[in-house]
Amino acid sequence: MGAALQPGGALANRRARRRSSLPMSEINVTPMVDVMLVLLIIFMVTAPLLTVGVDIDAPAQLPEVELPATEAGPVTPEQAPLSITVDAEGKIFLQNTEIDFDELVPKLAAIREAGGGTQVWVRGDKSTPYGNVAKVLVRIKEAGLPVTLVTDQVDQL
């Protein structure tokens, strides 16, 4: 009978077993990177949603409209925004001046290029048809300005 001799013999098997039973001293960073990327995406999606409304004191020179009530909270602007008002009859006012619907894009583009306005607040009377406000929103988008809809706050009971 012959015995097969392997290099290292039984001693090598003991060392291999001893190495495998020791705790791993390296950290697998792949799952940690995956978790961090998911958290980054969650924060990137939720951060813009934290801005829920604007708090304005309507100056006396703006046209009087009855704003709808919502649950949006106040937000303070960095710079005084432009105010566009759509009254109950569908008339459009830029600040306190009545403006024709077709003049809206050129005027807003000129104001944006001159550095006069970086944001537009749209104040629509609650009795005006939604289509009137939607048309104004499209024109503001064509002018390349960000829009915020202004509403009154609902009284909490």
Protein backbone atom coordinates (compact mmCIF):
# COMPACT_ATOMS: atom_id res chain seq x y z
CA MET A 1 0.00 0.00 0.00
CA GLY A 2 1.22 3.38 -0.84
CA ALA A 3 0.51 6.60 0.94
CA ALA A 4 0.08 9.76 -1.00
CA LEU A 5 2.18 12.53 0.37
CA GLN A 6 1.04 16.02 -0.30
CA PRO A 7 3.24 19.03 0.25
CA GLY A 8 2.47 20.53 3.60
CA GLY A 9 0.46 17.55 4.73
CA ALA A 10 -1.82 17.76 7.72
CA LEU A 11 -0.09 20.86 9.01
CA ALA A 12 -1.21 22.91 5.99
CA ASN A 13 -4.85 21.92 6.53
CA ARG A 14 -4.70 23.08 10.16
CA ARG A 15 -3.29 26.45 9.13
CA ALA A 16 -5.99 26.87 6.47
CA ARG A 17 -8.70 26.07 8.99
CA ARG A 18 -7.20 28.44 11.52
CA ARG A 19 -7.09 31.30 8.97
CA SER A 20 -10.69 30.78 7.93
CA SER A 21 -11.97 30.78 11.50
CA LEU A 22 -10.43 34.17 12.28
CA PRO A 23 -12.76 37.17 11.97
CA MET A 24 -12.43 39.18 8.79
CA SER A 25 -10.52 42.38 9.41
CA GLU A 26 -11.57 44.18 6.19
CA ILE A 27 -14.72 46.26 5.78
CA ASN A 28 -16.79 45.69 2.68
CA VAL A 29 -17.60 49.26 1.58
CA THR A 30 -19.90 48.40 -1.33
CA PRO A 31 -23.10 48.11 0.79
CA MET A 32 -22.16 51.30 2.65
CA VAL A 33 -21.74 53.20 -0.64
CA ASP A 34 -25.11 51.89 -1.84
CA VAL A 35 -26.84 53.10 1.31
CA MET A 36 -25.18 56.51 1.06
CA LEU A 37 -26.26 56.93 -2.57
CA VAL A 38 -29.86 56.05 -1.68
CA LEU A 39 -29.80 58.62 1.15
CA LEU A 40 -28.34 61.22 -1.20
CA ILE A 41 -31.13 60.65 -3.71
CA ILE A 42 -33.77 60.86 -0.96
CA PHE A 43 -32.39 64.19 0.28
CA MET A 44 -32.13 65.57 -3.27
CA VAL A 45 -35.79 64.72 -3.90
CA THR A 46 -37.16 65.98 -0.58
CA ALA A 47 -35.15 69.22 -0.26
CA PRO A 48 -37.16 71.16 -2.89
CA LEU A 49 -40.40 70.02 -1.23
CA LEU A 50 -39.49 71.79 2.01
CA THR A 51 -40.35 75.15 0.41
CA VAL A 52 -44.09 75.19 0.86
CA GLY A 53 -45.29 78.75 0.45
CA VAL A 54 -44.56 82.45 0.64
CA ASP A 55 -45.45 85.00 3.29
CA ILE A 56 -46.24 88.37 1.75
CA ASP A 57 -47.81 91.52 2.96
CA ALA A 58 -49.73 92.68 -0.09
CA PRO A 59 -48.58 96.23 -0.80
CA ALA A 60 -51.30 98.80 -1.38
CA GLN A 61 -50.27 99.35 -5.03
CA LEU A 62 -51.16 95.77 -6.10
CA PRO A 63 -54.68 95.12 -7.40
CA GLU A 64 -57.10 93.72 -4.87
CA VAL A 65 -58.03 90.07 -5.50
CA GLU A 66 -59.56 87.41 -3.30
CA LEU A 67 -56.90 84.70 -3.04
CA PRO A 68 -57.81 81.03 -2.51
CA ALA A 69 -56.86 79.49 0.83
CA THR A 70 -54.34 76.62 1.13
CA GLU A 71 -52.24 74.98 3.84
CA ALA A 72 -48.88 76.27 2.52
CA GLY A 73 -46.56 77.81 5.10
CA PRO A 74 -44.60 81.07 4.80
CA VAL A 75 -41.25 81.43 3.00
CA THR A 76 -39.07 84.53 2.98
CA PRO A 77 -37.68 85.57 -0.42
CA GLU A 78 -34.09 86.70 -0.94
CA GLN A 79 -35.05 89.44 -3.41
CA ALA A 80 -38.33 91.23 -4.03
CA PRO A 81 -40.14 89.20 -6.70
CA LEU A 82 -42.28 90.43 -9.55
CA SER A 83 -45.99 90.17 -8.90
CA ILE A 84 -48.45 89.23 -11.64
CA THR A 85 -52.12 89.43 -10.72
CA VAL A 86 -55.05 87.88 -12.59
CA ASP A 87 -58.28 89.44 -11.36
CA ALA A 88 -61.81 88.01 -11.47
CA GLU A 89 -62.47 89.41 -14.98
CA GLY A 90 -59.24 87.91 -16.36
CA LYS A 91 -57.29 91.20 -16.55
CA ILE A 92 -53.54 90.79 -16.07
CA PHE A 93 -51.48 93.18 -13.95
CA LEU A 94 -47.67 93.31 -13.82
CA GLN A 95 -47.02 94.81 -10.38
CA ASN A 96 -49.75 97.52 -10.37
CA THR A 97 -49.94 98.19 -14.14
CA GLU A 98 -52.50 96.48 -16.36
CA ILE A 99 -50.77 94.66 -19.21
CA ASP A 100 -51.97 92.99 -22.39
CA PHE A 101 -51.62 89.20 -22.55
CA ASP A 102 -49.38 89.40 -25.66
CA GLU A 103 -47.02 91.92 -24.00
CA LEU A 104 -46.32 89.64 -21.03
CA VAL A 105 -43.42 87.58 -22.46
CA PRO A 106 -41.43 90.51 -23.96
CA LYS A 107 -41.75 92.58 -20.77
CA LEU A 108 -40.77 89.71 -18.49
CA ALA A 109 -37.83 88.78 -20.73
CA ALA A 110 -36.64 92.39 -20.72
CA ILE A 111 -36.93 92.57 -16.93
CA ARG A 112 -35.05 89.26 -16.54
CA GLU A 113 -32.24 90.39 -18.87
CA ALA A 114 -31.94 93.69 -17.01
CA GLY A 115 -31.58 91.77 -13.72
CA GLY A 116 -34.76 93.26 -12.30
CA GLY A 117 -36.51 90.05 -11.35
CA THR A 118 -35.46 86.51 -10.60
CA GLN A 119 -38.81 85.16 -9.50
CA VAL A 120 -42.48 85.77 -10.28
CA TRP A 121 -45.36 85.49 -7.83
CA VAL A 122 -48.71 84.86 -9.50
CA ARG A 123 -51.76 86.07 -7.60
CA GLY A 124 -54.96 84.76 -9.13
CA ASP A 125 -58.43 85.63 -7.89
CA LYS A 126 -60.22 82.49 -6.71
CA SER A 127 -63.22 83.26 -8.93
CA THR A 128 -61.20 83.59 -12.15
CA PRO A 129 -61.22 80.50 -14.39
CA TYR A 130 -58.18 78.27 -13.98
CA GLY A 131 -57.51 78.59 -17.71
CA ASN A 132 -56.69 82.29 -17.30
CA VAL A 133 -54.05 81.54 -14.67
CA ALA A 134 -52.70 78.59 -16.69
CA LYS A 135 -52.18 80.78 -19.76
CA VAL A 136 -50.25 83.29 -17.66
CA LEU A 137 -48.11 80.49 -16.19
CA VAL A 138 -47.19 79.29 -19.69
CA ARG A 139 -46.18 82.82 -20.71
CA ILE A 140 -44.00 83.20 -17.62
CA LYS A 141 -42.31 79.90 -18.39
CA GLU A 142 -41.63 81.11 -21.95
CA ALA A 143 -39.92 84.16 -20.44
CA GLY A 144 -37.65 81.85 -18.43
CA LEU A 145 -38.58 82.86 -14.88
CA PRO A 146 -39.47 80.61 -11.92
CA VAL A 147 -43.05 80.89 -10.69
CA THR A 148 -44.69 80.73 -7.26
CA LEU A 149 -48.47 80.70 -6.84
CA VAL A 150 -49.61 82.95 -3.99
CA THR A 151 -52.54 81.91 -1.81
CA ASP A 152 -54.01 82.81 1.57
CA GLN A 153 -53.38 80.44 4.45
CA VAL A 154 -56.26 78.29 5.70
CA ASP A 155 -57.21 79.02 9.31
CA GLN A 156 -56.30 75.96 11.40
CA LEU A 157 -59.04 74.86 13.82
